[in-house]
Amino acid sequence: MNIKELIPFLEEKKALVKIHCARGSEDEYAPKKEFLNGKFKEWQEEQTKKNFERQYILSLIFWGKDEWLFAGIYESLNVKKNDKGRYIYETKLLDVANEFIGRAIFVFKNKNKFRCSYPCLENYIDNINLLEITRETAKQIFPGYDKVNVSWKDLANCIESDSWKTALENQKGVYLITDISNGKKYVGSASGKNMILGRWRSYIQNGHGGNTELKTFNFNYIKDNFRYSILDIFKYKTDDDTILKRESWWKEVLMTREFGYNKN
């Protein structure tokens, strides 16, 4: 099924619509992450150029190779240039096909390989075909304790999602922070209120979480270079001494006292 069959509005208004093939320049999944955290509209409204010079915007988010998630149809109301030289759009989500937002995934193969992120709809409408409509709206999913390996920015985006909060707030554990600029590591443990969730929230708040060793870093440096992963998890009833012993063991194994950021 073609997109114009699923959403007739697009065929009727195609000469007034710009497609936004939303794909991050540094992180191609950046708009996907923003959508999953309910911030896509704000992300889309900040542009480096006047990219939405038509009445409507068909928002498609890069989901995978040739696959795009439908994120809604917006009306462009106004645009202003801010003091940083960026164009800030004012947009309104139309009440059109909203039942498919976060559910409809389309196959769209652009002959320009998406170097053009803002094509005119009439030139490509026949190339956008429905792949599937999922039963549930796409949302941020916790990947599993053994698969957590996220940057500070990604952690800040996902830590308050329901699945991440549920997974982290009832688990004690030992975690690893890696500085990607030099490979140095920091091993920490979480056993207090809200356990890993509470500990990692403090890193999002100020970067150092109260750790003396990490207070020496500029917060922006931390945001750009620190990654977070989990080494061990324990049930909430596990005594704290067990957690501290495992933390010490990991420090020895990874030699973070000698070559990392641990000082004790």
C-alpha atoms as a PDB file:
ATOM      1  CA  MET A   1       0.000   0.000   0.000  1.00  0.00           C
ATOM      2  CA  ASN A   2       1.291   3.426  -0.939  1.00  0.00           C
ATOM      3  CA  ILE A   3       1.279   6.261   1.596  1.00  0.00           C
ATOM      4  CA  LYS A   4      -1.256   8.226  -0.468  1.00  0.00           C
ATOM      5  CA  GLU A   5      -3.733   5.348  -0.117  1.00  0.00           C
ATOM      6  CA  LEU A   6      -3.267   5.176   3.634  1.00  0.00           C
ATOM      7  CA  ILE A   7      -3.307   8.959   4.053  1.00  0.00           C
ATOM      8  CA  PRO A   8      -5.366  10.549   1.213  1.00  0.00           C
ATOM      9  CA  PHE A   9      -4.638  14.032   2.592  1.00  0.00           C
ATOM     10  CA  LEU A  10      -1.084  13.725   1.266  1.00  0.00           C
ATOM     11  CA  GLU A  11      -2.228  13.121  -2.304  1.00  0.00           C
ATOM     12  CA  GLU A  12      -4.611  16.060  -2.119  1.00  0.00           C
ATOM     13  CA  LYS A  13      -2.002  18.453  -0.685  1.00  0.00           C
ATOM     14  CA  LYS A  14       1.202  17.023  -2.160  1.00  0.00           C
ATOM     15  CA  ALA A  15       2.242  20.284  -3.839  1.00  0.00           C
ATOM     16  CA  LEU A  16       2.167  21.969  -0.405  1.00  0.00           C
ATOM     17  CA  VAL A  17       4.165  19.334   1.500  1.00  0.00           C
ATOM     18  CA  LYS A  18       7.852  18.983   2.286  1.00  0.00           C
ATOM     19  CA  ILE A  19       9.051  15.564   3.457  1.00  0.00           C
ATOM     20  CA  HIS A  20      11.346  15.678   6.463  1.00  0.00           C
ATOM     21  CA  CYS A  21      13.575  12.604   6.280  1.00  0.00           C
ATOM     22  CA  ALA A  22      14.686  13.017   9.883  1.00  0.00           C
ATOM     23  CA  ARG A  23      18.146  11.579  10.333  1.00  0.00           C
ATOM     24  CA  GLY A  24      20.852  12.981  12.610  1.00  0.00           C
ATOM     25  CA  SER A  25      24.072  14.289  11.085  1.00  0.00           C
ATOM     26  CA  GLU A  26      26.366  12.905  13.815  1.00  0.00           C
ATOM     27  CA  ASP A  27      24.066  10.248  15.222  1.00  0.00           C
ATOM     28  CA  GLU A  28      21.649   9.045  12.547  1.00  0.00           C
ATOM     29  CA  TYR A  29      19.302   7.693  15.246  1.00  0.00           C
ATOM     30  CA  ALA A  30      19.098  11.017  17.116  1.00  0.00           C
ATOM     31  CA  PRO A  31      15.542  11.851  15.922  1.00  0.00           C
ATOM     32  CA  LYS A  32      14.425   8.318  16.792  1.00  0.00           C
ATOM     33  CA  LYS A  33      15.694   8.821  20.344  1.00  0.00           C
ATOM     34  CA  GLU A  34      13.982  12.197  20.568  1.00  0.00           C
ATOM     35  CA  PHE A  35      10.706  10.677  19.371  1.00  0.00           C
ATOM     36  CA  LEU A  36      10.877   7.833  21.871  1.00  0.00           C
ATOM     37  CA  ASN A  37      11.313  10.390  24.629  1.00  0.00           C
ATOM     38  CA  GLY A  38       8.479  12.614  23.449  1.00  0.00           C
ATOM     39  CA  LYS A  39      10.712  15.447  22.216  1.00  0.00           C
ATOM     40  CA  PHE A  40      10.659  15.050  18.445  1.00  0.00           C
ATOM     41  CA  LYS A  41       8.511  18.123  17.727  1.00  0.00           C
ATOM     42  CA  GLU A  42      11.006  20.400  19.495  1.00  0.00           C
ATOM     43  CA  TRP A  43      13.948  18.652  17.808  1.00  0.00           C
ATOM     44  CA  GLN A  44      12.389  19.081  14.380  1.00  0.00           C
ATOM     45  CA  GLU A  45      11.548  22.734  14.904  1.00  0.00           C
ATOM     46  CA  GLU A  46      15.229  23.751  15.196  1.00  0.00           C
ATOM     47  CA  GLN A  47      16.877  23.845  11.773  1.00  0.00           C
ATOM     48  CA  THR A  48      20.182  25.139  10.405  1.00  0.00           C
ATOM     49  CA  LYS A  49      18.456  26.480   7.274  1.00  0.00           C
ATOM     50  CA  LYS A  50      14.944  27.427   6.138  1.00  0.00           C
ATOM     51  CA  ASN A  51      14.106  23.832   5.295  1.00  0.00           C
ATOM     52  CA  PHE A  52      10.328  23.898   5.689  1.00  0.00           C
ATOM     53  CA  GLU A  53       9.284  26.521   3.147  1.00  0.00           C
ATOM     54  CA  ARG A  54       5.954  24.899   2.455  1.00  0.00           C
ATOM     55  CA  GLN A  55       2.697  24.833   4.372  1.00  0.00           C
ATOM     56  CA  TYR A  56       2.956  21.227   5.550  1.00  0.00           C
ATOM     57  CA  ILE A  57       5.667  18.855   6.763  1.00  0.00           C
ATOM     58  CA  LEU A  58       5.462  15.076   6.431  1.00  0.00           C
ATOM     59  CA  SER A  59       7.733  13.825   9.204  1.00  0.00           C
ATOM     60  CA  LEU A  60       9.457  10.480   8.652  1.00  0.00           C
ATOM     61  CA  ILE A  61      12.073   9.269  11.131  1.00  0.00           C
ATOM     62  CA  PHE A  62      14.986   7.048  10.102  1.00  0.00           C
ATOM     63  CA  TRP A  63      14.278   3.616  11.616  1.00  0.00           C
ATOM     64  CA  GLY A  64      16.737   1.407   9.763  1.00  0.00           C
ATOM     65  CA  LYS A  65      17.947   0.753   6.248  1.00  0.00           C
ATOM     66  CA  ASP A  66      15.281   2.183   3.895  1.00  0.00           C
ATOM     67  CA  GLU A  67      12.746   2.132   6.759  1.00  0.00           C
ATOM     68  CA  TRP A  68      11.047   5.253   8.116  1.00  0.00           C
ATOM     69  CA  LEU A  69       8.663   5.726  11.039  1.00  0.00           C
ATOM     70  CA  PHE A  70       5.687   8.009  10.529  1.00  0.00           C
ATOM     71  CA  ALA A  71       5.870  10.855  13.067  1.00  0.00           C
ATOM     72  CA  GLY A  72       2.932  12.958  11.919  1.00  0.00           C
ATOM     73  CA  ILE A  73       1.962  15.754   9.554  1.00  0.00           C
ATOM     74  CA  TYR A  74       2.708  19.263  10.761  1.00  0.00           C
ATOM     75  CA  GLU A  75       1.673  22.701   9.591  1.00  0.00           C
ATOM     76  CA  SER A  76       4.456  25.273   9.470  1.00  0.00           C
ATOM     77  CA  LEU A  77       3.126  28.464  11.063  1.00  0.00           C
ATOM     78  CA  ASN A  78       6.136  30.723  11.501  1.00  0.00           C
ATOM     79  CA  VAL A  79       9.930  30.792  11.541  1.00  0.00           C
ATOM     80  CA  LYS A  80      12.452  33.011  13.331  1.00  0.00           C
ATOM     81  CA  LYS A  81      16.229  33.117  13.381  1.00  0.00           C
ATOM     82  CA  ASN A  82      17.774  32.928  16.844  1.00  0.00           C
ATOM     83  CA  ASP A  83      21.005  34.492  18.126  1.00  0.00           C
ATOM     84  CA  LYS A  84      22.912  31.310  17.230  1.00  0.00           C
ATOM     85  CA  GLY A  85      21.988  31.582  13.564  1.00  0.00           C
ATOM     86  CA  ARG A  86      19.499  28.715  13.673  1.00  0.00           C
ATOM     87  CA  TYR A  87      15.973  28.819  12.341  1.00  0.00           C
ATOM     88  CA  ILE A  88      13.302  28.032  14.924  1.00  0.00           C
ATOM     89  CA  TYR A  89       9.988  26.971  13.423  1.00  0.00           C
ATOM     90  CA  GLU A  90       6.600  27.150  15.040  1.00  0.00           C
ATOM     91  CA  THR A  91       4.607  24.111  13.961  1.00  0.00           C
ATOM     92  CA  LYS A  92       1.287  22.487  14.763  1.00  0.00           C
ATOM     93  CA  LEU A  93       0.557  18.769  14.554  1.00  0.00           C
ATOM     94  CA  LEU A  94      -2.452  18.265  12.302  1.00  0.00           C
ATOM     95  CA  ASP A  95      -5.307  15.995  13.244  1.00  0.00           C
ATOM     96  CA  VAL A  96      -4.567  13.808  10.236  1.00  0.00           C
ATOM     97  CA  ALA A  97      -3.611  10.112  10.464  1.00  0.00           C
ATOM     98  CA  ASN A  98      -2.562  10.561  14.091  1.00  0.00           C
ATOM     99  CA  GLU A  99      -3.588   6.987  14.790  1.00  0.00           C
ATOM    100  CA  PHE A 100      -0.550   5.905  12.746  1.00  0.00           C
ATOM    101  CA  ILE A 101       2.038   8.065  14.545  1.00  0.00           C
ATOM    102  CA  GLY A 102       4.718   5.802  15.992  1.00  0.00           C
ATOM    103  CA  ARG A 103       3.049   2.759  14.426  1.00  0.00           C
ATOM    104  CA  ALA A 104       3.302   3.033  10.637  1.00  0.00           C
ATOM    105  CA  ILE A 105       6.688   2.134   9.150  1.00  0.00           C
ATOM    106  CA  PHE A 106       7.311   2.909   5.490  1.00  0.00           C
ATOM    107  CA  VAL A 107       9.879   1.740   2.968  1.00  0.00           C
ATOM    108  CA  PHE A 108      11.334   4.754   1.191  1.00  0.00           C
ATOM    109  CA  LYS A 109      14.318   4.406  -1.109  1.00  0.00           C
ATOM    110  CA  ASN A 110      15.550   7.811  -2.183  1.00  0.00           C
ATOM    111  CA  LYS A 111      17.640   7.858  -5.366  1.00  0.00           C
ATOM    112  CA  ASN A 112      19.818  10.539  -3.746  1.00  0.00           C
ATOM    113  CA  LYS A 113      20.492   8.252  -0.772  1.00  0.00           C
ATOM    114  CA  PHE A 114      18.945  10.866   1.524  1.00  0.00           C
ATOM    115  CA  ARG A 115      21.594  13.467   1.040  1.00  0.00           C
ATOM    116  CA  CYS A 116      18.507  15.551   0.393  1.00  0.00           C
ATOM    117  CA  SER A 117      16.613  15.430   3.684  1.00  0.00           C
ATOM    118  CA  TYR A 118      13.805  17.786   2.678  1.00  0.00           C
ATOM    119  CA  PRO A 119      12.422  16.651  -0.708  1.00  0.00           C
ATOM    120  CA  CYS A 120       9.145  17.880  -2.159  1.00  0.00           C
ATOM    121  CA  LEU A 121       6.410  15.300  -1.691  1.00  0.00           C
ATOM    122  CA  GLU A 122       5.064  15.329  -5.254  1.00  0.00           C
ATOM    123  CA  ASN A 123       8.422  14.062  -6.540  1.00  0.00           C
ATOM    124  CA  TYR A 124       8.536  11.032  -4.231  1.00  0.00           C
ATOM    125  CA  ILE A 125       5.017  10.189  -3.091  1.00  0.00           C
ATOM    126  CA  ASP A 126       4.869   7.080  -5.305  1.00  0.00           C
ATOM    127  CA  ASN A 127       8.076   5.760  -3.721  1.00  0.00           C
ATOM    128  CA  ILE A 128       6.800   5.698  -0.118  1.00  0.00           C
ATOM    129  CA  ASN A 129       5.157   2.349   0.594  1.00  0.00           C
ATOM    130  CA  LEU A 130       3.791   0.874   3.791  1.00  0.00           C
ATOM    131  CA  LEU A 131       5.892  -1.870   5.379  1.00  0.00           C
ATOM    132  CA  GLU A 132       3.840  -2.495   8.506  1.00  0.00           C
ATOM    133  CA  ILE A 133       1.562  -0.989  11.124  1.00  0.00           C
ATOM    134  CA  THR A 134       2.528  -2.160  14.591  1.00  0.00           C
ATOM    135  CA  ARG A 135      -0.068  -2.903  17.256  1.00  0.00           C
ATOM    136  CA  GLU A 136       1.589  -0.621  19.789  1.00  0.00           C
ATOM    137  CA  THR A 137       3.200   2.794  19.478  1.00  0.00           C
ATOM    138  CA  ALA A 138       6.995   2.728  19.406  1.00  0.00           C
ATOM    139  CA  LYS A 139       8.490   3.521  22.798  1.00  0.00           C
ATOM    140  CA  GLN A 140      11.791   3.468  24.607  1.00  0.00           C
ATOM    141  CA  ILE A 141      12.626  -0.136  25.561  1.00  0.00           C
ATOM    142  CA  PHE A 142      15.235  -1.175  28.119  1.00  0.00           C
ATOM    143  CA  PRO A 143      17.706  -3.388  26.195  1.00  0.00           C
ATOM    144  CA  GLY A 144      18.654  -5.718  29.065  1.00  0.00           C
ATOM    145  CA  TYR A 145      21.253  -5.304  31.829  1.00  0.00           C
ATOM    146  CA  ASP A 146      23.987  -7.009  29.827  1.00  0.00           C
ATOM    147  CA  LYS A 147      23.394  -4.772  26.800  1.00  0.00           C
ATOM    148  CA  VAL A 148      23.470  -1.356  28.452  1.00  0.00           C
ATOM    149  CA  ASN A 149      26.237   0.744  26.897  1.00  0.00           C
ATOM    150  CA  VAL A 150      25.078   4.333  26.477  1.00  0.00           C
ATOM    151  CA  SER A 151      26.549   7.801  26.236  1.00  0.00           C
ATOM    152  CA  TRP A 152      25.673  10.461  28.806  1.00  0.00           C
ATOM    153  CA  LYS A 153      23.339  12.103  26.297  1.00  0.00           C
ATOM    154  CA  ASP A 154      21.544   8.849  25.491  1.00  0.00           C
ATOM    155  CA  LEU A 155      21.233   8.015  29.188  1.00  0.00           C
ATOM    156  CA  ALA A 156      19.752  11.442  29.878  1.00  0.00           C
ATOM    157  CA  ASN A 157      17.170  10.813  27.149  1.00  0.00           C
ATOM    158  CA  CYS A 158      16.064   7.364  28.237  1.00  0.00           C
ATOM    159  CA  ILE A 159      16.535   7.119  32.014  1.00  0.00           C
ATOM    160  CA  GLU A 160      13.085   8.508  32.829  1.00  0.00           C
ATOM    161  CA  SER A 161      11.244   6.234  30.403  1.00  0.00           C
ATOM    162  CA  ASP A 162       9.009   3.660  32.069  1.00  0.00           C
ATOM    163  CA  SER A 163      10.996   0.599  30.999  1.00  0.00           C
ATOM    164  CA  TRP A 164      14.355   2.039  32.140  1.00  0.00           C
ATOM    165  CA  LYS A 165      12.988   3.213  35.488  1.00  0.00           C
ATOM    166  CA  THR A 166      11.371  -0.147  36.163  1.00  0.00           C
ATOM    167  CA  ALA A 167      14.581  -2.008  35.298  1.00  0.00           C
ATOM    168  CA  LEU A 168      16.972   0.162  37.324  1.00  0.00           C
ATOM    169  CA  GLU A 169      15.063   1.266  40.409  1.00  0.00           C
ATOM    170  CA  ASN A 170      14.893  -2.198  42.000  1.00  0.00           C
ATOM    171  CA  GLN A 171      18.380  -3.480  41.227  1.00  0.00           C
ATOM    172  CA  LYS A 172      21.568  -2.982  43.166  1.00  0.00           C
ATOM    173  CA  GLY A 173      24.707  -3.300  41.106  1.00  0.00           C
ATOM    174  CA  VAL A 174      28.204  -2.465  39.994  1.00  0.00           C
ATOM    175  CA  TYR A 175      28.579  -0.221  36.967  1.00  0.00           C
ATOM    176  CA  LEU A 176      31.301   1.063  34.696  1.00  0.00           C
ATOM    177  CA  ILE A 177      31.924   4.555  33.354  1.00  0.00           C
ATOM    178  CA  THR A 178      34.280   4.770  30.377  1.00  0.00           C
ATOM    179  CA  ASP A 179      35.951   7.920  29.108  1.00  0.00           C
ATOM    180  CA  ILE A 180      36.008   7.408  25.337  1.00  0.00           C
ATOM    181  CA  SER A 181      38.590  10.147  24.817  1.00  0.00           C
ATOM    182  CA  ASN A 182      41.354   8.140  26.513  1.00  0.00           C
ATOM    183  CA  GLY A 183      39.939   4.735  27.503  1.00  0.00           C
ATOM    184  CA  LYS A 184      40.180   5.390  31.240  1.00  0.00           C
ATOM    185  CA  LYS A 185      37.493   3.814  33.388  1.00  0.00           C
ATOM    186  CA  TYR A 186      35.676   4.328  36.668  1.00  0.00           C
ATOM    187  CA  VAL A 187      33.958   1.526  38.607  1.00  0.00           C
ATOM    188  CA  GLY A 188      31.115   2.422  40.952  1.00  0.00           C
ATOM    189  CA  SER A 189      28.356   0.681  42.861  1.00  0.00           C
ATOM    190  CA  ALA A 190      24.714   1.417  43.624  1.00  0.00           C
ATOM    191  CA  SER A 191      22.847   0.192  46.670  1.00  0.00           C
ATOM    192  CA  GLY A 192      21.047   3.241  48.074  1.00  0.00           C
ATOM    193  CA  LYS A 193      17.614   4.722  47.391  1.00  0.00           C
ATOM    194  CA  ASN A 194      16.298   3.760  43.942  1.00  0.00           C
ATOM    195  CA  MET A 195      19.517   1.747  43.535  1.00  0.00           C
ATOM    196  CA  ILE A 196      21.086   2.010  40.035  1.00  0.00           C
ATOM    197  CA  LEU A 197      18.370   4.440  38.938  1.00  0.00           C
ATOM    198  CA  GLY A 198      19.088   6.791  41.811  1.00  0.00           C
ATOM    199  CA  ARG A 199      22.840   6.621  41.279  1.00  0.00           C
ATOM    200  CA  TRP A 200      22.663   7.285  37.565  1.00  0.00           C
ATOM    201  CA  ARG A 201      20.165  10.098  38.017  1.00  0.00           C
ATOM    202  CA  SER A 202      22.814  11.914  40.025  1.00  0.00           C
ATOM    203  CA  TYR A 203      25.237  11.628  37.092  1.00  0.00           C
ATOM    204  CA  ILE A 204      22.633  13.143  34.805  1.00  0.00           C
ATOM    205  CA  GLN A 205      22.070  15.966  37.274  1.00  0.00           C
ATOM    206  CA  ASN A 206      25.664  17.066  37.772  1.00  0.00           C
ATOM    207  CA  GLY A 207      28.001  14.678  35.952  1.00  0.00           C
ATOM    208  CA  HIS A 208      30.011  13.547  38.947  1.00  0.00           C
ATOM    209  CA  GLY A 209      27.347  12.082  41.231  1.00  0.00           C
ATOM    210  CA  GLY A 210      29.261  13.250  44.276  1.00  0.00           C
ATOM    211  CA  ASN A 211      32.364  11.203  43.409  1.00  0.00           C
ATOM    212  CA  THR A 212      35.528  13.095  44.342  1.00  0.00           C
ATOM    213  CA  GLU A 213      37.416  11.563  41.436  1.00  0.00           C
ATOM    214  CA  LEU A 214      34.902  12.829  38.887  1.00  0.00           C
ATOM    215  CA  LYS A 215      34.396  16.315  40.296  1.00  0.00           C
ATOM    216  CA  THR A 216      37.564  17.476  38.544  1.00  0.00           C
ATOM    217  CA  PHE A 217      35.897  17.156  35.125  1.00  0.00           C
ATOM    218  CA  ASN A 218      33.993  19.890  33.343  1.00  0.00           C
ATOM    219  CA  PHE A 219      30.337  18.887  32.980  1.00  0.00           C
ATOM    220  CA  ASN A 220      30.371  19.435  29.209  1.00  0.00           C
ATOM    221  CA  TYR A 221      33.413  17.149  28.940  1.00  0.00           C
ATOM    222  CA  ILE A 222      31.472  14.435  30.758  1.00  0.00           C
ATOM    223  CA  LYS A 223      28.470  14.899  28.464  1.00  0.00           C
ATOM    224  CA  ASP A 224      30.666  14.472  25.397  1.00  0.00           C
ATOM    225  CA  ASN A 225      32.944  11.625  26.532  1.00  0.00           C
ATOM    226  CA  PHE A 226      31.433   9.397  29.241  1.00  0.00           C
ATOM    227  CA  ARG A 227      29.637   6.107  28.577  1.00  0.00           C
ATOM    228  CA  TYR A 228      27.750   3.966  31.094  1.00  0.00           C
ATOM    229  CA  SER A 229      27.390   0.194  31.329  1.00  0.00           C
ATOM    230  CA  ILE A 230      26.509  -2.419  33.961  1.00  0.00           C
ATOM    231  CA  LEU A 231      28.969  -5.032  35.232  1.00  0.00           C
ATOM    232  CA  ASP A 232      26.872  -6.820  37.885  1.00  0.00           C
ATOM    233  CA  ILE A 233      23.294  -6.682  39.117  1.00  0.00           C
ATOM    234  CA  PHE A 234      21.898  -7.929  42.417  1.00  0.00           C
ATOM    235  CA  LYS A 235      18.444  -8.234  43.934  1.00  0.00           C
ATOM    236  CA  TYR A 236      17.415  -5.432  46.245  1.00  0.00           C
ATOM    237  CA  LYS A 237      17.692  -7.709  49.295  1.00  0.00           C
ATOM    238  CA  THR A 238      21.404  -8.357  48.700  1.00  0.00           C
ATOM    239  CA  ASP A 239      23.449  -6.923  51.581  1.00  0.00           C
ATOM    240  CA  ASP A 240      25.551  -3.889  50.780  1.00  0.00           C
ATOM    241  CA  ASP A 241      28.802  -5.560  51.827  1.00  0.00           C
ATOM    242  CA  THR A 242      28.433  -8.026  48.956  1.00  0.00           C
ATOM    243  CA  ILE A 243      28.025  -5.132  46.529  1.00  0.00           C
ATOM    244  CA  LEU A 244      31.116  -3.351  47.841  1.00  0.00           C
ATOM    245  CA  LYS A 245      33.221  -6.517  47.575  1.00  0.00           C
ATOM    246  CA  ARG A 246      32.212  -6.965  43.941  1.00  0.00           C
ATOM    247  CA  GLU A 247      32.970  -3.299  43.259  1.00  0.00           C
ATOM    248  CA  SER A 248      36.469  -3.781  44.694  1.00  0.00           C
ATOM    249  CA  TRP A 249      36.952  -6.946  42.650  1.00  0.00           C
ATOM    250  CA  TRP A 250      36.095  -5.147  39.404  1.00  0.00           C
ATOM    251  CA  LYS A 251      38.481  -2.333  40.285  1.00  0.00           C
ATOM    252  CA  GLU A 252      41.239  -4.919  40.616  1.00  0.00           C
ATOM    253  CA  VAL A 253      40.349  -6.747  37.413  1.00  0.00           C
ATOM    254  CA  LEU A 254      40.085  -3.573  35.328  1.00  0.00           C
ATOM    255  CA  MET A 255      42.962  -1.900  37.207  1.00  0.00           C
ATOM    256  CA  THR A 256      40.973   1.307  37.522  1.00  0.00           C
ATOM    257  CA  ARG A 257      42.908   2.410  40.590  1.00  0.00           C
ATOM    258  CA  GLU A 258      46.219   2.208  38.728  1.00  0.00           C
ATOM    259  CA  PHE A 259      45.139   3.341  35.259  1.00  0.00           C
ATOM    260  CA  GLY A 260      41.642   4.757  35.658  1.00  0.00           C
ATOM    261  CA  TYR A 261      39.682   7.242  37.707  1.00  0.00           C
ATOM    262  CA  ASN A 262      39.238   5.257  40.946  1.00  0.00           C
ATOM    263  CA  LYS A 263      41.354   6.457  43.859  1.00  0.00           C
ATOM    264  CA  ASN A 264      40.294   3.951  46.520  1.00  0.00           C
END
